[in-house]
N, C-alpha and C. Protein backbone atom coordinates (compact mmCIF):
# COMPACT_ATOMS: atom_id res chain seq x y z
N MET A 1 99.66 122.11 112.52
CA MET A 1 101.01 121.82 113.03
C MET A 1 101.86 121.32 111.82
N LYS A 2 103.06 121.91 111.67
CA LYS A 2 103.89 121.54 110.56
C LYS A 2 104.71 120.31 110.91
N LEU A 3 104.71 119.31 109.98
CA LEU A 3 105.44 118.12 110.22
C LEU A 3 106.91 118.37 110.08
N LYS A 4 107.71 117.62 110.91
CA LYS A 4 109.16 117.71 110.94
C LYS A 4 109.75 116.33 110.68
N ILE A 5 111.06 116.32 110.29
CA ILE A 5 111.73 115.11 110.09
C ILE A 5 111.71 114.34 111.42
N GLY A 6 111.41 113.06 111.37
CA GLY A 6 111.27 112.21 112.55
C GLY A 6 109.86 112.01 113.06
N ASP A 7 108.93 112.92 112.64
CA ASP A 7 107.58 112.79 113.06
C ASP A 7 106.95 111.54 112.42
N PRO A 8 105.93 110.91 113.08
CA PRO A 8 105.23 109.84 112.37
C PRO A 8 104.40 110.43 111.26
N ALA A 9 104.37 109.71 110.17
CA ALA A 9 103.62 110.10 108.99
C ALA A 9 102.11 109.96 109.34
N PRO A 10 101.27 110.93 109.16
CA PRO A 10 99.84 110.73 109.39
C PRO A 10 99.24 109.59 108.54
N MET A 11 98.58 108.65 109.11
CA MET A 11 98.05 107.53 108.37
C MET A 11 96.75 107.98 107.69
N PHE A 12 96.45 107.35 106.58
CA PHE A 12 95.15 107.63 105.88
C PHE A 12 94.75 106.49 105.00
N THR A 13 93.52 106.45 104.69
CA THR A 13 92.92 105.52 103.70
C THR A 13 92.28 106.41 102.68
N ALA A 14 92.47 106.05 101.42
CA ALA A 14 91.94 106.95 100.36
C ALA A 14 91.72 106.14 99.07
N THR A 15 91.10 106.80 98.09
CA THR A 15 90.98 106.13 96.80
C THR A 15 92.03 106.77 95.83
N THR A 16 92.40 105.98 94.89
CA THR A 16 93.35 106.39 93.85
C THR A 16 92.73 106.07 92.50
N ASP A 17 93.41 106.53 91.47
CA ASP A 17 92.91 106.26 90.17
C ASP A 17 92.98 104.75 89.84
N SER A 18 93.59 103.96 90.69
CA SER A 18 93.71 102.52 90.48
C SER A 18 93.17 101.70 91.61
N GLY A 19 92.39 102.29 92.53
CA GLY A 19 91.80 101.54 93.61
C GLY A 19 92.06 102.19 94.96
N ALA A 20 91.57 101.54 96.04
CA ALA A 20 91.75 102.04 97.39
C ALA A 20 93.17 101.71 97.91
N ILE A 21 93.68 102.63 98.73
CA ILE A 21 94.92 102.38 99.42
C ILE A 21 94.92 102.76 100.83
N ASN A 22 95.82 102.26 101.62
CA ASN A 22 95.92 102.59 103.01
C ASN A 22 97.43 102.83 103.25
N LEU A 23 97.78 103.93 103.84
CA LEU A 23 99.16 104.24 104.03
C LEU A 23 99.86 103.17 104.85
N ALA A 24 99.17 102.52 105.75
CA ALA A 24 99.74 101.46 106.55
C ALA A 24 100.28 100.30 105.69
N ASN A 25 99.73 100.13 104.52
CA ASN A 25 100.19 99.08 103.64
C ASN A 25 101.58 99.33 103.11
N TYR A 26 102.08 100.55 103.27
CA TYR A 26 103.42 100.88 102.79
C TYR A 26 104.49 100.74 103.87
N LEU A 27 104.09 100.44 105.07
CA LEU A 27 105.10 100.18 106.13
C LEU A 27 105.98 99.04 105.72
N GLY A 28 107.31 99.18 106.00
CA GLY A 28 108.24 98.16 105.60
C GLY A 28 108.99 98.59 104.32
N LYS A 29 108.55 99.63 103.68
CA LYS A 29 109.27 100.17 102.55
C LYS A 29 109.24 101.70 102.57
N LYS A 30 110.12 102.32 101.84
CA LYS A 30 110.14 103.77 101.76
C LYS A 30 109.00 104.26 100.83
N LEU A 31 108.51 105.42 101.11
CA LEU A 31 107.47 105.97 100.30
C LEU A 31 107.78 107.48 99.98
N VAL A 32 107.61 107.80 98.71
CA VAL A 32 107.75 109.17 98.25
C VAL A 32 106.30 109.65 98.11
N LEU A 33 105.85 110.51 99.00
CA LEU A 33 104.46 110.99 99.04
C LEU A 33 104.56 112.45 98.63
N TYR A 34 104.11 112.73 97.38
CA TYR A 34 104.24 114.13 96.92
C TYR A 34 102.88 114.72 96.73
N PHE A 35 102.73 115.98 97.18
CA PHE A 35 101.49 116.76 96.98
C PHE A 35 101.73 117.76 95.89
N TYR A 36 100.71 117.91 95.04
CA TYR A 36 100.83 118.82 93.92
C TYR A 36 99.51 119.53 93.71
N PRO A 37 99.56 120.73 93.13
CA PRO A 37 98.33 121.54 92.99
C PRO A 37 97.22 121.01 92.11
N MET A 38 97.52 120.59 90.85
CA MET A 38 96.47 120.26 89.93
C MET A 38 96.94 119.38 88.81
N ASP A 39 96.13 118.42 88.45
CA ASP A 39 96.38 117.52 87.30
C ASP A 39 96.55 118.32 86.04
N ASP A 40 97.49 117.85 85.17
CA ASP A 40 97.57 118.31 83.78
C ASP A 40 97.88 119.79 83.67
N THR A 41 98.64 120.34 84.59
CA THR A 41 99.14 121.75 84.49
C THR A 41 100.65 121.60 84.21
N PRO A 42 101.30 122.63 83.69
CA PRO A 42 102.65 122.48 83.24
C PRO A 42 103.67 122.01 84.33
N GLY A 43 103.66 122.62 85.52
CA GLY A 43 104.59 122.23 86.56
C GLY A 43 104.26 120.86 87.10
N CYS A 44 103.03 120.59 87.31
CA CYS A 44 102.57 119.26 87.84
C CYS A 44 102.88 118.18 86.88
N THR A 45 102.75 118.43 85.59
CA THR A 45 103.06 117.47 84.52
C THR A 45 104.54 117.16 84.52
N LYS A 46 105.34 118.22 84.58
CA LYS A 46 106.81 118.00 84.58
C LYS A 46 107.24 117.17 85.81
N GLN A 47 106.62 117.44 86.98
CA GLN A 47 106.98 116.72 88.21
C GLN A 47 106.55 115.29 88.09
N ALA A 48 105.36 115.03 87.68
CA ALA A 48 104.87 113.63 87.54
C ALA A 48 105.67 112.86 86.54
N CYS A 49 106.01 113.50 85.42
CA CYS A 49 106.85 112.79 84.36
C CYS A 49 108.22 112.55 84.79
N SER A 50 108.80 113.44 85.60
CA SER A 50 110.13 113.19 86.15
C SER A 50 110.13 111.91 87.05
N LEU A 51 109.09 111.86 87.92
CA LEU A 51 108.98 110.65 88.74
C LEU A 51 108.70 109.42 87.95
N ARG A 52 107.83 109.51 86.94
CA ARG A 52 107.53 108.43 86.03
C ARG A 52 108.80 107.87 85.39
N ASP A 53 109.60 108.82 84.81
CA ASP A 53 110.78 108.40 84.04
C ASP A 53 111.85 107.79 84.89
N HIS A 54 111.88 108.05 86.18
CA HIS A 54 112.89 107.49 87.10
C HIS A 54 112.26 106.50 88.08
N TYR A 55 111.02 106.06 87.82
CA TYR A 55 110.35 105.20 88.80
C TYR A 55 111.09 103.90 89.05
N GLY A 56 111.70 103.35 88.03
CA GLY A 56 112.48 102.12 88.20
C GLY A 56 113.60 102.28 89.13
N GLU A 57 114.30 103.40 89.08
CA GLU A 57 115.44 103.69 89.99
C GLU A 57 114.95 103.90 91.43
N ILE A 58 113.80 104.60 91.56
CA ILE A 58 113.16 104.79 92.85
C ILE A 58 112.82 103.49 93.45
N ARG A 59 112.16 102.67 92.67
CA ARG A 59 111.69 101.31 93.14
C ARG A 59 112.91 100.43 93.52
N ASP A 60 113.99 100.59 92.70
CA ASP A 60 115.21 99.81 92.99
C ASP A 60 115.83 100.17 94.34
N ARG A 61 115.50 101.33 94.80
CA ARG A 61 116.05 101.84 96.11
C ARG A 61 115.04 101.54 97.22
N GLY A 62 114.07 100.70 96.93
CA GLY A 62 113.09 100.26 97.96
C GLY A 62 111.99 101.22 98.24
N ALA A 63 111.64 102.10 97.30
CA ALA A 63 110.61 103.07 97.56
C ALA A 63 109.45 102.94 96.54
N ALA A 64 108.34 103.33 97.00
CA ALA A 64 107.11 103.53 96.11
C ALA A 64 106.82 104.99 96.01
N VAL A 65 105.97 105.38 95.07
CA VAL A 65 105.59 106.78 94.88
C VAL A 65 104.05 106.90 94.93
N LEU A 66 103.55 107.87 95.61
CA LEU A 66 102.13 108.27 95.65
C LEU A 66 102.03 109.75 95.38
N GLY A 67 101.25 110.18 94.40
CA GLY A 67 100.95 111.56 94.21
C GLY A 67 99.60 111.91 94.82
N VAL A 68 99.48 113.11 95.37
CA VAL A 68 98.22 113.55 96.09
C VAL A 68 97.86 114.91 95.61
N SER A 69 96.61 115.03 95.18
CA SER A 69 96.01 116.36 94.90
C SER A 69 94.56 116.32 95.20
N THR A 70 93.87 117.46 95.13
CA THR A 70 92.48 117.51 95.51
C THR A 70 91.49 117.16 94.34
N GLN A 71 91.99 116.83 93.20
CA GLN A 71 91.15 116.42 92.10
C GLN A 71 90.59 115.00 92.34
N ASP A 72 89.50 114.66 91.65
CA ASP A 72 88.85 113.37 91.89
C ASP A 72 89.52 112.29 91.07
N ASP A 73 89.07 111.04 91.28
CA ASP A 73 89.62 109.92 90.60
C ASP A 73 89.55 110.03 89.09
N ALA A 74 88.42 110.53 88.56
CA ALA A 74 88.28 110.67 87.10
C ALA A 74 89.38 111.59 86.50
N SER A 75 89.67 112.73 87.20
CA SER A 75 90.68 113.66 86.71
C SER A 75 92.04 112.92 86.78
N HIS A 76 92.28 112.21 87.88
CA HIS A 76 93.55 111.48 88.04
C HIS A 76 93.68 110.42 86.91
N GLN A 77 92.64 109.77 86.63
CA GLN A 77 92.72 108.74 85.60
C GLN A 77 93.05 109.32 84.25
N ARG A 78 92.43 110.44 83.88
CA ARG A 78 92.77 111.14 82.62
C ARG A 78 94.24 111.54 82.58
N PHE A 79 94.72 112.09 83.74
CA PHE A 79 96.13 112.52 83.82
C PHE A 79 97.07 111.33 83.71
N THR A 80 96.77 110.26 84.41
CA THR A 80 97.56 109.03 84.35
C THR A 80 97.61 108.44 82.96
N THR A 81 96.48 108.37 82.28
CA THR A 81 96.43 107.84 80.93
C THR A 81 97.16 108.72 79.94
N LYS A 82 96.95 110.04 80.00
CA LYS A 82 97.57 110.96 79.08
C LYS A 82 99.10 110.86 79.13
N TYR A 83 99.66 110.76 80.36
CA TYR A 83 101.11 110.78 80.56
C TYR A 83 101.67 109.43 80.94
N GLN A 84 100.89 108.41 80.85
CA GLN A 84 101.34 107.03 81.17
C GLN A 84 102.07 106.97 82.49
N LEU A 85 101.45 107.55 83.51
CA LEU A 85 102.06 107.49 84.84
C LEU A 85 102.06 106.10 85.41
N ASN A 86 103.09 105.71 86.09
CA ASN A 86 103.26 104.34 86.55
C ASN A 86 103.23 104.23 88.10
N PHE A 87 102.47 105.16 88.71
CA PHE A 87 102.26 105.14 90.13
C PHE A 87 100.88 105.73 90.42
N PRO A 88 100.28 105.39 91.59
CA PRO A 88 98.92 105.88 91.84
C PRO A 88 98.90 107.32 92.21
N LEU A 89 97.71 107.95 91.93
CA LEU A 89 97.38 109.33 92.32
C LEU A 89 96.23 109.25 93.28
N VAL A 90 96.43 109.89 94.45
CA VAL A 90 95.39 109.85 95.52
C VAL A 90 94.44 111.03 95.33
N ALA A 91 93.14 110.72 95.45
CA ALA A 91 92.09 111.71 95.31
C ALA A 91 91.79 112.23 96.69
N ASP A 92 92.33 113.40 97.06
CA ASP A 92 92.11 114.06 98.33
C ASP A 92 91.07 115.17 98.16
N THR A 93 89.87 114.79 97.74
CA THR A 93 88.89 115.79 97.34
C THR A 93 88.42 116.68 98.47
N ASP A 94 88.48 116.22 99.72
CA ASP A 94 88.10 117.07 100.80
C ASP A 94 89.32 117.80 101.44
N GLY A 95 90.54 117.48 100.98
CA GLY A 95 91.73 118.11 101.48
C GLY A 95 92.19 117.63 102.84
N ALA A 96 91.58 116.54 103.35
CA ALA A 96 91.89 116.06 104.67
C ALA A 96 93.32 115.51 104.80
N ILE A 97 93.80 114.82 103.76
CA ILE A 97 95.16 114.30 103.78
C ILE A 97 96.11 115.46 103.71
N GLY A 98 95.87 116.38 102.77
CA GLY A 98 96.74 117.56 102.67
C GLY A 98 96.80 118.38 103.92
N LYS A 99 95.66 118.52 104.66
CA LYS A 99 95.69 119.22 105.91
C LYS A 99 96.52 118.51 106.97
N ALA A 100 96.45 117.15 106.98
CA ALA A 100 97.21 116.33 107.98
C ALA A 100 98.71 116.52 107.74
N TYR A 101 99.11 116.72 106.49
CA TYR A 101 100.50 116.87 106.11
C TYR A 101 100.95 118.35 105.99
N GLY A 102 100.05 119.25 106.23
CA GLY A 102 100.34 120.69 106.10
C GLY A 102 100.47 121.16 104.67
N ALA A 103 99.97 120.40 103.72
CA ALA A 103 100.04 120.73 102.30
C ALA A 103 98.83 121.54 101.83
N VAL A 104 97.79 121.62 102.66
CA VAL A 104 96.60 122.43 102.37
C VAL A 104 96.43 123.44 103.43
N GLY A 105 96.36 124.68 103.00
CA GLY A 105 96.07 125.77 103.99
C GLY A 105 97.23 126.22 104.81
N ASP A 106 98.44 125.98 104.35
CA ASP A 106 99.62 126.46 105.06
C ASP A 106 100.11 127.81 104.59
N GLY A 107 100.09 128.81 105.47
CA GLY A 107 100.54 130.13 105.14
C GLY A 107 99.56 130.90 104.23
N PHE A 108 99.97 132.07 103.81
CA PHE A 108 99.12 132.89 103.00
C PHE A 108 98.87 132.26 101.61
N LEU A 109 99.92 131.81 100.95
CA LEU A 109 99.79 131.23 99.64
C LEU A 109 99.00 129.95 99.74
N GLY A 110 99.28 129.12 100.81
CA GLY A 110 98.54 127.89 100.98
C GLY A 110 97.05 128.12 101.22
N ALA A 111 96.78 129.18 102.01
CA ALA A 111 95.36 129.48 102.26
C ALA A 111 94.67 129.91 100.96
N ALA A 112 95.36 130.72 100.13
CA ALA A 112 94.77 131.14 98.87
C ALA A 112 94.57 129.93 97.94
N MET A 113 95.55 129.02 97.88
CA MET A 113 95.38 127.83 97.09
C MET A 113 94.24 126.98 97.62
N ASN A 114 94.15 126.88 98.94
CA ASN A 114 93.03 126.11 99.53
C ASN A 114 91.68 126.65 99.07
N LEU A 115 91.59 127.96 99.02
CA LEU A 115 90.32 128.57 98.56
C LEU A 115 89.99 128.14 97.16
N MET A 116 91.05 127.93 96.36
CA MET A 116 90.83 127.47 94.98
C MET A 116 90.77 125.95 94.88
N GLY A 117 90.88 125.26 96.04
CA GLY A 117 90.77 123.83 96.04
C GLY A 117 92.05 123.10 95.64
N MET A 118 93.23 123.70 95.92
CA MET A 118 94.47 123.08 95.47
C MET A 118 95.40 122.89 96.69
N ALA A 119 96.26 121.85 96.56
CA ALA A 119 97.25 121.61 97.60
C ALA A 119 98.56 122.34 97.19
N SER A 120 99.38 122.64 98.16
CA SER A 120 100.71 123.19 97.91
C SER A 120 101.60 122.10 97.36
N ARG A 121 102.72 122.47 96.73
CA ARG A 121 103.66 121.52 96.23
C ARG A 121 104.70 121.17 97.29
N ILE A 122 104.68 119.99 97.80
CA ILE A 122 105.66 119.54 98.83
C ILE A 122 105.77 118.00 98.80
N THR A 123 106.93 117.53 99.06
CA THR A 123 107.22 116.06 99.01
C THR A 123 107.67 115.56 100.35
N PHE A 124 107.20 114.47 100.81
CA PHE A 124 107.58 113.84 102.06
C PHE A 124 108.18 112.44 101.68
N ILE A 125 109.37 112.15 102.18
CA ILE A 125 109.92 110.81 102.02
C ILE A 125 109.74 110.13 103.37
N ILE A 126 108.97 109.10 103.37
CA ILE A 126 108.59 108.37 104.57
C ILE A 126 109.46 107.11 104.63
N ASP A 127 110.06 106.81 105.81
CA ASP A 127 110.91 105.72 105.97
C ASP A 127 110.05 104.39 106.18
N GLU A 128 110.80 103.32 106.29
CA GLU A 128 110.16 101.99 106.40
C GLU A 128 109.30 101.85 107.68
N ASN A 129 109.60 102.66 108.71
CA ASN A 129 108.89 102.62 109.95
C ASN A 129 107.74 103.60 110.01
N GLY A 130 107.48 104.32 108.92
CA GLY A 130 106.32 105.22 108.89
C GLY A 130 106.63 106.62 109.44
N HIS A 131 107.88 107.00 109.48
CA HIS A 131 108.28 108.31 110.00
C HIS A 131 108.77 109.16 108.82
N ILE A 132 108.64 110.44 108.95
CA ILE A 132 109.16 111.42 107.95
C ILE A 132 110.65 111.40 107.98
N ALA A 133 111.28 111.03 106.86
CA ALA A 133 112.72 110.95 106.78
C ALA A 133 113.27 112.24 106.13
N HIS A 134 112.55 112.75 105.16
CA HIS A 134 112.97 113.95 104.44
C HIS A 134 111.76 114.75 103.98
N ILE A 135 111.93 116.05 103.86
CA ILE A 135 110.85 116.95 103.32
C ILE A 135 111.52 117.82 102.26
N ILE A 136 110.90 117.85 101.06
CA ILE A 136 111.34 118.74 100.03
C ILE A 136 110.26 119.80 99.91
N ASP A 137 110.56 120.98 100.47
CA ASP A 137 109.56 122.08 100.51
C ASP A 137 109.32 122.73 99.18
N LYS A 138 110.39 122.85 98.39
CA LYS A 138 110.24 123.55 97.09
C LYS A 138 110.83 122.66 95.98
N PRO A 139 110.09 121.66 95.61
CA PRO A 139 110.61 120.74 94.53
C PRO A 139 110.88 121.43 93.23
N ASP A 140 111.93 120.96 92.60
CA ASP A 140 112.27 121.38 91.21
C ASP A 140 111.47 120.41 90.30
N CYS A 141 110.38 120.93 89.78
CA CYS A 141 109.44 120.01 89.02
C CYS A 141 110.13 119.17 87.96
N ALA A 142 110.92 119.80 87.13
CA ALA A 142 111.53 119.08 86.00
C ALA A 142 112.56 118.01 86.48
N ASN A 143 113.15 118.27 87.64
CA ASN A 143 114.19 117.39 88.12
C ASN A 143 113.87 116.73 89.50
N HIS A 144 112.58 116.56 89.73
CA HIS A 144 112.14 116.15 91.05
C HIS A 144 112.65 114.75 91.38
N ALA A 145 112.65 113.83 90.44
CA ALA A 145 113.07 112.45 90.69
C ALA A 145 114.54 112.47 91.10
N GLU A 146 115.40 113.32 90.45
CA GLU A 146 116.79 113.38 90.88
C GLU A 146 116.88 113.87 92.32
N GLU A 147 116.07 114.84 92.68
CA GLU A 147 116.10 115.29 94.11
C GLU A 147 115.75 114.20 95.07
N VAL A 148 114.70 113.41 94.71
CA VAL A 148 114.27 112.33 95.52
C VAL A 148 115.31 111.18 95.58
N LEU A 149 115.93 110.86 94.49
CA LEU A 149 116.91 109.81 94.45
C LEU A 149 118.14 110.15 95.31
N LYS A 150 118.54 111.42 95.42
CA LYS A 150 119.62 111.80 96.27
C LYS A 150 119.34 111.52 97.75
N LEU A 151 118.03 111.51 98.10
CA LEU A 151 117.63 111.31 99.51
C LEU A 151 117.30 109.84 99.85
N LEU A 152 117.16 109.06 98.84
CA LEU A 152 116.75 107.58 99.16
C LEU A 152 118.02 106.73 99.46
């Protein structure tokens, strides 16, 4: 089932490159939850660095950022260190979080990416009450933070 604006955000508990997190811990603030295919690839690096470079502005608007892909914590840690990312990356190694959000296995391309163990690129902005406030289906990797800031 594809999530729509106004739907409750699927809750999850997961590990990140900096420890365990629970989505319920983000209730009371906005959250930029972005799914991306793979650590340290050109588009994913541009997207992460855009969010990194504007994280202060995002935080000033009352939001946090979480990146999600199917790589493990070790891969996320290397990516975080190499690009000095200032937000956690979630290790969705079994794709369960991506499936709950429709980021894994959606459509023909999504199914092909799923076979390769990758999530589709999509961003959800979750409001303070835990509901989907905005969905960016086709993020502009290099300018993703600007897209997000327009919606916060």
